[in-house]
Amino acid sequence: AALAVNIVSLVAEERTLKGSYIGTCVPSRDIPRYVALYRDGRLPVDRLMSGVIALDDINEGFDRLDRGEVVRLVVKP
């Protein structure tokens, strides 16, 4: 796939473009580990989430992020 980027805007607005492909996650290895850490109380997922919103409310979610009302929202379909 191709991506068109306005390089002047990227540089002038000091933006960052970063890509990744699944990161360094190996789902078959990492997800069970994360679940175990969560169950043991060593991965405070609940404290990392500001809330849960529906996909239909995504624009309001971004507005709330922009206003600094929330840090991390989980979006569910």
PDB file of N, CA and C in Angstrom:
ATOM      1  N   ALA A   1       0.842  -1.182   0.000  1.00  0.00           N
ATOM      2  CA  ALA A   1       0.000   0.000   0.000  1.00  0.00           C
ATOM      3  C   ALA A   1       0.881   1.237   0.000  1.00  0.00           C
ATOM      4  N   ALA A   2       0.344   2.312  -0.517  1.00  0.00           N
ATOM      5  CA  ALA A   2       1.071   3.572  -0.586  1.00  0.00           C
ATOM      6  C   ALA A   2       0.432   4.581   0.359  1.00  0.00           C
ATOM      7  N   LEU A   3       1.235   5.538   0.801  1.00  0.00           N
ATOM      8  CA  LEU A   3       0.762   6.585   1.698  1.00  0.00           C
ATOM      9  C   LEU A   3       1.278   7.915   1.184  1.00  0.00           C
ATOM     10  N   ALA A   4       0.364   8.850   0.965  1.00  0.00           N
ATOM     11  CA  ALA A   4       0.762  10.192   0.552  1.00  0.00           C
ATOM     12  C   ALA A   4       0.944  11.040   1.805  1.00  0.00           C
ATOM     13  N   VAL A   5       2.098  11.678   1.925  1.00  0.00           N
ATOM     14  CA  VAL A   5       2.398  12.482   3.107  1.00  0.00           C
ATOM     15  C   VAL A   5       2.831  13.873   2.662  1.00  0.00           C
ATOM     16  N   ASN A   6       2.249  14.894   3.277  1.00  0.00           N
ATOM     17  CA  ASN A   6       2.664  16.267   3.029  1.00  0.00           C
ATOM     18  C   ASN A   6       3.910  16.516   3.872  1.00  0.00           C
ATOM     19  N   ILE A   7       5.071  16.433   3.261  1.00  0.00           N
ATOM     20  CA  ILE A   7       6.333  16.507   3.984  1.00  0.00           C
ATOM     21  C   ILE A   7       6.543  17.879   4.620  1.00  0.00           C
ATOM     22  N   VAL A   8       6.067  18.943   3.979  1.00  0.00           N
ATOM     23  CA  VAL A   8       6.209  20.287   4.550  1.00  0.00           C
ATOM     24  C   VAL A   8       5.438  20.370   5.865  1.00  0.00           C
ATOM     25  N   SER A   9       4.209  19.883   5.869  1.00  0.00           N
ATOM     26  CA  SER A   9       3.396  19.876   7.089  1.00  0.00           C
ATOM     27  C   SER A   9       4.031  18.988   8.154  1.00  0.00           C
ATOM     28  N   LEU A  10       4.548  17.852   7.735  1.00  0.00           N
ATOM     29  CA  LEU A  10       5.183  16.921   8.669  1.00  0.00           C
ATOM     30  C   LEU A  10       6.349  17.593   9.396  1.00  0.00           C
ATOM     31  N   VAL A  11       7.183  18.281   8.648  1.00  0.00           N
ATOM     32  CA  VAL A  11       8.359  18.931   9.230  1.00  0.00           C
ATOM     33  C   VAL A  11       7.975  20.213   9.970  1.00  0.00           C
ATOM     34  N   ALA A  12       7.165  21.062   9.345  1.00  0.00           N
ATOM     35  CA  ALA A  12       6.821  22.356   9.941  1.00  0.00           C
ATOM     36  C   ALA A  12       6.050  22.198  11.247  1.00  0.00           C
ATOM     37  N   GLU A  13       5.212  21.180  11.339  1.00  0.00           N
ATOM     38  CA  GLU A  13       4.410  20.959  12.546  1.00  0.00           C
ATOM     39  C   GLU A  13       5.082  19.987  13.513  1.00  0.00           C
ATOM     40  N   GLU A  14       6.328  19.618  13.191  1.00  0.00           N
ATOM     41  CA  GLU A  14       7.121  18.723  14.037  1.00  0.00           C
ATOM     42  C   GLU A  14       6.373  17.440  14.384  1.00  0.00           C
ATOM     43  N   ARG A  15       5.735  16.874  13.386  1.00  0.00           N
ATOM     44  CA  ARG A  15       5.000  15.626  13.587  1.00  0.00           C
ATOM     45  C   ARG A  15       5.933  14.436  13.401  1.00  0.00           C
ATOM     46  N   THR A  16       5.500  13.292  13.884  1.00  0.00           N
ATOM     47  CA  THR A  16       6.275  12.068  13.757  1.00  0.00           C
ATOM     48  C   THR A  16       5.428  11.019  13.065  1.00  0.00           C
ATOM     49  N   LEU A  17       6.005  10.329  12.124  1.00  0.00           N
ATOM     50  CA  LEU A  17       5.341   9.227  11.443  1.00  0.00           C
ATOM     51  C   LEU A  17       6.134   7.973  11.764  1.00  0.00           C
ATOM     52  N   LYS A  18       5.480   7.035  12.403  1.00  0.00           N
ATOM     53  CA  LYS A  18       6.175   5.823  12.825  1.00  0.00           C
ATOM     54  C   LYS A  18       5.334   4.626  12.427  1.00  0.00           C
ATOM     55  N   GLY A  19       5.953   3.654  11.839  1.00  0.00           N
ATOM     56  CA  GLY A  19       5.235   2.456  11.434  1.00  0.00           C
ATOM     57  C   GLY A  19       5.698   1.235  12.200  1.00  0.00           C
ATOM     58  N   SER A  20       4.834   0.269  12.252  1.00  0.00           N
ATOM     59  CA  SER A  20       5.199  -1.007  12.862  1.00  0.00           C
ATOM     60  C   SER A  20       4.309  -2.094  12.283  1.00  0.00           C
ATOM     61  N   TYR A  21       4.756  -3.293  12.374  1.00  0.00           N
ATOM     62  CA  TYR A  21       3.973  -4.438  11.925  1.00  0.00           C
ATOM     63  C   TYR A  21       3.877  -5.396  13.092  1.00  0.00           C
ATOM     64  N   ILE A  22       2.791  -5.315  13.808  1.00  0.00           N
ATOM     65  CA  ILE A  22       2.516  -6.142  14.971  1.00  0.00           C
ATOM     66  C   ILE A  22       3.539  -5.887  16.085  1.00  0.00           C
ATOM     67  N   GLY A  23       4.368  -4.878  15.945  1.00  0.00           N
ATOM     68  CA  GLY A  23       5.359  -4.583  16.978  1.00  0.00           C
ATOM     69  C   GLY A  23       6.251  -5.782  17.220  1.00  0.00           C
ATOM     70  N   THR A  24       6.578  -6.005  18.451  1.00  0.00           N
ATOM     71  CA  THR A  24       7.390  -7.166  18.792  1.00  0.00           C
ATOM     72  C   THR A  24       6.545  -8.224  19.478  1.00  0.00           C
ATOM     73  N   CYS A  25       5.250  -8.087  19.363  1.00  0.00           N
ATOM     74  CA  CYS A  25       4.328  -9.013  20.027  1.00  0.00           C
ATOM     75  C   CYS A  25       4.259 -10.347  19.286  1.00  0.00           C
ATOM     76  N   VAL A  26       4.337 -11.410  20.043  1.00  0.00           N
ATOM     77  CA  VAL A  26       4.068 -12.758  19.539  1.00  0.00           C
ATOM     78  C   VAL A  26       2.816 -13.202  20.289  1.00  0.00           C
ATOM     79  N   PRO A  27       1.632 -13.042  19.672  1.00  0.00           N
ATOM     80  CA  PRO A  27       0.381 -13.265  20.390  1.00  0.00           C
ATOM     81  C   PRO A  27       0.292 -14.594  21.137  1.00  0.00           C
ATOM     82  N   SER A  28       0.731 -15.677  20.529  1.00  0.00           N
ATOM     83  CA  SER A  28       0.623 -16.984  21.189  1.00  0.00           C
ATOM     84  C   SER A  28       1.465 -17.050  22.461  1.00  0.00           C
ATOM     85  N   ARG A  29       2.504 -16.257  22.527  1.00  0.00           N
ATOM     86  CA  ARG A  29       3.358 -16.213  23.711  1.00  0.00           C
ATOM     87  C   ARG A  29       2.930 -15.112  24.678  1.00  0.00           C
ATOM     88  N   ASP A  30       2.652 -13.927  24.127  1.00  0.00           N
ATOM     89  CA  ASP A  30       2.471 -12.751  24.969  1.00  0.00           C
ATOM     90  C   ASP A  30       1.089 -12.619  25.602  1.00  0.00           C
ATOM     91  N   ILE A  31       0.029 -12.943  24.871  1.00  0.00           N
ATOM     92  CA  ILE A  31      -1.316 -12.763  25.427  1.00  0.00           C
ATOM     93  C   ILE A  31      -1.532 -13.619  26.670  1.00  0.00           C
ATOM     94  N   PRO A  32      -1.181 -14.917  26.663  1.00  0.00           N
ATOM     95  CA  PRO A  32      -1.327 -15.683  27.910  1.00  0.00           C
ATOM     96  C   PRO A  32      -0.506 -15.089  29.063  1.00  0.00           C
ATOM     97  N   ARG A  33       0.655 -14.562  28.752  1.00  0.00           N
ATOM     98  CA  ARG A  33       1.485 -13.937  29.791  1.00  0.00           C
ATOM     99  C   ARG A  33       0.804 -12.698  30.354  1.00  0.00           C
ATOM    100  N   TYR A  34       0.250 -11.855  29.476  1.00  0.00           N
ATOM    101  CA  TYR A  34      -0.444 -10.647  29.935  1.00  0.00           C
ATOM    102  C   TYR A  34      -1.659 -11.000  30.787  1.00  0.00           C
ATOM    103  N   VAL A  35      -2.396 -12.014  30.387  1.00  0.00           N
ATOM    104  CA  VAL A  35      -3.561 -12.453  31.162  1.00  0.00           C
ATOM    105  C   VAL A  35      -3.122 -12.921  32.547  1.00  0.00           C
ATOM    106  N   ALA A  36      -2.054 -13.704  32.602  1.00  0.00           N
ATOM    107  CA  ALA A  36      -1.553 -14.197  33.891  1.00  0.00           C
ATOM    108  C   ALA A  36      -1.090 -13.037  34.775  1.00  0.00           C
ATOM    109  N   LEU A  37      -0.385 -12.081  34.201  1.00  0.00           N
ATOM    110  CA  LEU A  37       0.057 -10.917  34.969  1.00  0.00           C
ATOM    111  C   LEU A  37      -1.135 -10.129  35.499  1.00  0.00           C
ATOM    112  N   TYR A  38      -2.170  -9.979  34.670  1.00  0.00           N
ATOM    113  CA  TYR A  38      -3.377  -9.265  35.093  1.00  0.00           C
ATOM    114  C   TYR A  38      -4.062 -10.005  36.236  1.00  0.00           C
ATOM    115  N   ARG A  39      -4.227 -11.302  36.077  1.00  0.00           N
ATOM    116  CA  ARG A  39      -4.893 -12.100  37.118  1.00  0.00           C
ATOM    117  C   ARG A  39      -4.113 -12.094  38.428  1.00  0.00           C
ATOM    118  N   ASP A  40      -2.794 -12.015  38.344  1.00  0.00           N
ATOM    119  CA  ASP A  40      -1.953 -11.972  39.547  1.00  0.00           C
ATOM    120  C   ASP A  40      -1.890 -10.574  40.163  1.00  0.00           C
ATOM    121  N   GLY A  41      -2.547  -9.610  39.515  1.00  0.00           N
ATOM    122  CA  GLY A  41      -2.533  -8.244  40.026  1.00  0.00           C
ATOM    123  C   GLY A  41      -1.264  -7.484  39.719  1.00  0.00           C
ATOM    124  N   ARG A  42      -0.470  -7.999  38.790  1.00  0.00           N
ATOM    125  CA  ARG A  42       0.811  -7.362  38.462  1.00  0.00           C
ATOM    126  C   ARG A  42       0.744  -6.502  37.206  1.00  0.00           C
ATOM    127  N   LEU A  43      -0.393  -6.510  36.514  1.00  0.00           N
ATOM    128  CA  LEU A  43      -0.594  -5.675  35.329  1.00  0.00           C
ATOM    129  C   LEU A  43      -1.892  -4.896  35.549  1.00  0.00           C
ATOM    130  N   PRO A  44      -1.785  -3.643  35.994  1.00  0.00           N
ATOM    131  CA  PRO A  44      -2.964  -2.876  36.407  1.00  0.00           C
ATOM    132  C   PRO A  44      -3.750  -2.285  35.235  1.00  0.00           C
ATOM    133  N   VAL A  45      -4.289  -3.152  34.403  1.00  0.00           N
ATOM    134  CA  VAL A  45      -5.002  -2.705  33.206  1.00  0.00           C
ATOM    135  C   VAL A  45      -6.127  -1.740  33.564  1.00  0.00           C
ATOM    136  N   ASP A  46      -6.867  -2.036  34.625  1.00  0.00           N
ATOM    137  CA  ASP A  46      -7.996  -1.185  35.002  1.00  0.00           C
ATOM    138  C   ASP A  46      -7.556   0.251  35.297  1.00  0.00           C
ATOM    139  N   ARG A  47      -6.390   0.418  35.887  1.00  0.00           N
ATOM    140  CA  ARG A  47      -5.888   1.764  36.188  1.00  0.00           C
ATOM    141  C   ARG A  47      -5.377   2.479  34.940  1.00  0.00           C
ATOM    142  N   LEU A  48      -5.057   1.725  33.898  1.00  0.00           N
ATOM    143  CA  LEU A  48      -4.539   2.329  32.673  1.00  0.00           C
ATOM    144  C   LEU A  48      -5.647   2.834  31.760  1.00  0.00           C
ATOM    145  N   MET A  49      -6.878   2.368  31.982  1.00  0.00           N
ATOM    146  CA  MET A  49      -8.009   2.744  31.132  1.00  0.00           C
ATOM    147  C   MET A  49      -8.790   3.885  31.773  1.00  0.00           C
ATOM    148  N   SER A  50      -9.159   4.858  30.954  1.00  0.00           N
ATOM    149  CA  SER A  50     -10.002   5.948  31.432  1.00  0.00           C
ATOM    150  C   SER A  50     -11.474   5.611  31.263  1.00  0.00           C
ATOM    151  N   GLY A  51     -11.774   4.683  30.373  1.00  0.00           N
ATOM    152  CA  GLY A  51     -13.166   4.330  30.140  1.00  0.00           C
ATOM    153  C   GLY A  51     -13.331   3.481  28.904  1.00  0.00           C
ATOM    154  N   VAL A  52     -14.583   3.130  28.650  1.00  0.00           N
ATOM    155  CA  VAL A  52     -14.951   2.319  27.492  1.00  0.00           C
ATOM    156  C   VAL A  52     -16.017   3.084  26.725  1.00  0.00           C
ATOM    157  N   ILE A  53     -15.858   3.160  25.403  1.00  0.00           N
ATOM    158  CA  ILE A  53     -16.854   3.827  24.572  1.00  0.00           C
ATOM    159  C   ILE A  53     -17.228   2.924  23.409  1.00  0.00           C
ATOM    160  N   ALA A  54     -18.392   3.179  22.849  1.00  0.00           N
ATOM    161  CA  ALA A  54     -18.842   2.453  21.662  1.00  0.00           C
ATOM    162  C   ALA A  54     -18.178   3.057  20.427  1.00  0.00           C
ATOM    163  N   LEU A  55     -18.008   2.239  19.412  1.00  0.00           N
ATOM    164  CA  LEU A  55     -17.402   2.704  18.166  1.00  0.00           C
ATOM    165  C   LEU A  55     -18.175   3.892  17.592  1.00  0.00           C
ATOM    166  N   ASP A  56     -19.490   3.887  17.750  1.00  0.00           N
ATOM    167  CA  ASP A  56     -20.306   4.998  17.245  1.00  0.00           C
ATOM    168  C   ASP A  56     -19.976   6.326  17.936  1.00  0.00           C
ATOM    169  N   ASP A  57     -19.355   6.267  19.109  1.00  0.00           N
ATOM    170  CA  ASP A  57     -19.018   7.474  19.871  1.00  0.00           C
ATOM    171  C   ASP A  57     -17.550   7.869  19.723  1.00  0.00           C
ATOM    172  N   ILE A  58     -16.890   7.366  18.692  1.00  0.00           N
ATOM    173  CA  ILE A  58     -15.455   7.572  18.530  1.00  0.00           C
ATOM    174  C   ILE A  58     -15.080   9.052  18.426  1.00  0.00           C
ATOM    175  N   ASN A  59     -15.901   9.847  17.734  1.00  0.00           N
ATOM    176  CA  ASN A  59     -15.575  11.273  17.596  1.00  0.00           C
ATOM    177  C   ASN A  59     -15.610  11.979  18.947  1.00  0.00           C
ATOM    178  N   GLU A  60     -16.606  11.684  19.762  1.00  0.00           N
ATOM    179  CA  GLU A  60     -16.665  12.256  21.111  1.00  0.00           C
ATOM    180  C   GLU A  60     -15.470  11.775  21.938  1.00  0.00           C
ATOM    181  N   GLY A  61     -15.068  10.524  21.735  1.00  0.00           N
ATOM    182  CA  GLY A  61     -13.898  10.005  22.439  1.00  0.00           C
ATOM    183  C   GLY A  61     -12.644  10.798  22.111  1.00  0.00           C
ATOM    184  N   PHE A  62     -12.450  11.102  20.830  1.00  0.00           N
ATOM    185  CA  PHE A  62     -11.290  11.908  20.437  1.00  0.00           C
ATOM    186  C   PHE A  62     -11.389  13.321  21.006  1.00  0.00           C
ATOM    187  N   ASP A  63     -12.604  13.868  21.038  1.00  0.00           N
ATOM    188  CA  ASP A  63     -12.785  15.195  21.638  1.00  0.00           C
ATOM    189  C   ASP A  63     -12.406  15.174  23.118  1.00  0.00           C
ATOM    190  N   ARG A  64     -12.802  14.135  23.831  1.00  0.00           N
ATOM    191  CA  ARG A  64     -12.471  14.010  25.252  1.00  0.00           C
ATOM    192  C   ARG A  64     -10.955  13.881  25.451  1.00  0.00           C
ATOM    193  N   LEU A  65     -10.301  13.122  24.553  1.00  0.00           N
ATOM    194  CA  LEU A  65      -8.837  13.023  24.612  1.00  0.00           C
ATOM    195  C   LEU A  65      -8.204  14.393  24.393  1.00  0.00           C
ATOM    196  N   ASP A  66      -8.713  15.114  23.399  1.00  0.00           N
ATOM    197  CA  ASP A  66      -8.179  16.432  23.067  1.00  0.00           C
ATOM    198  C   ASP A  66      -8.339  17.417  24.224  1.00  0.00           C
ATOM    199  N   ARG A  67      -9.458  17.317  24.941  1.00  0.00           N
ATOM    200  CA  ARG A  67      -9.706  18.211  26.083  1.00  0.00           C
ATOM    201  C   ARG A  67      -8.948  17.773  27.339  1.00  0.00           C
ATOM    202  N   GLY A  68      -8.295  16.620  27.279  1.00  0.00           N
ATOM    203  CA  GLY A  68      -7.541  16.130  28.424  1.00  0.00           C
ATOM    204  C   GLY A  68      -8.400  15.493  29.500  1.00  0.00           C
ATOM    205  N   GLU A  69      -9.624  15.137  29.157  1.00  0.00           N
ATOM    206  CA  GLU A  69     -10.534  14.527  30.130  1.00  0.00           C
ATOM    207  C   GLU A  69     -10.210  13.058  30.377  1.00  0.00           C
ATOM    208  N   VAL A  70      -9.611  12.417  29.394  1.00  0.00           N
ATOM    209  CA  VAL A  70      -9.276  10.997  29.489  1.00  0.00           C
ATOM    210  C   VAL A  70      -7.871  10.792  28.947  1.00  0.00           C
ATOM    211  N   VAL A  71      -7.280   9.649  29.300  1.00  0.00           N
ATOM    212  CA  VAL A  71      -5.942   9.320  28.811  1.00  0.00           C
ATOM    213  C   VAL A  71      -6.008   8.187  27.806  1.00  0.00           C
ATOM    214  N   ARG A  72      -6.752   7.145  28.139  1.00  0.00           N
ATOM    215  CA  ARG A  72      -6.834   5.982  27.256  1.00  0.00           C
ATOM    216  C   ARG A  72      -8.251   5.431  27.308  1.00  0.00           C
ATOM    217  N   LEU A  73      -8.877   5.331  26.151  1.00  0.00           N
ATOM    218  CA  LEU A  73     -10.219   4.777  26.044  1.00  0.00           C
ATOM    219  C   LEU A  73     -10.171   3.464  25.285  1.00  0.00           C
ATOM    220  N   VAL A  74     -10.969   2.525  25.721  1.00  0.00           N
ATOM    221  CA  VAL A  74     -11.131   1.274  24.994  1.00  0.00           C
ATOM    222  C   VAL A  74     -12.373   1.432  24.131  1.00  0.00           C
ATOM    223  N   VAL A  75     -12.244   1.133  22.845  1.00  0.00           N
ATOM    224  CA  VAL A  75     -13.359   1.264  21.911  1.00  0.00           C
ATOM    225  C   VAL A  75     -13.881  -0.122  21.600  1.00  0.00           C
ATOM    226  N   LYS A  76     -15.185  -0.310  21.796  1.00  0.00           N
ATOM    227  CA  LYS A  76     -15.771  -1.611  21.481  1.00  0.00           C
ATOM    228  C   LYS A  76     -16.787  -1.437  20.365  1.00  0.00           C
ATOM    229  N   PRO A  77     -16.901  -2.453  19.516  1.00  0.00           N
ATOM    230  CA  PRO A  77     -17.822  -2.357  18.372  1.00  0.00           C
ATOM    231  C   PRO A  77     -19.272  -2.289  18.791  1.00  0.00           C
TER     232      PRO A  77
END
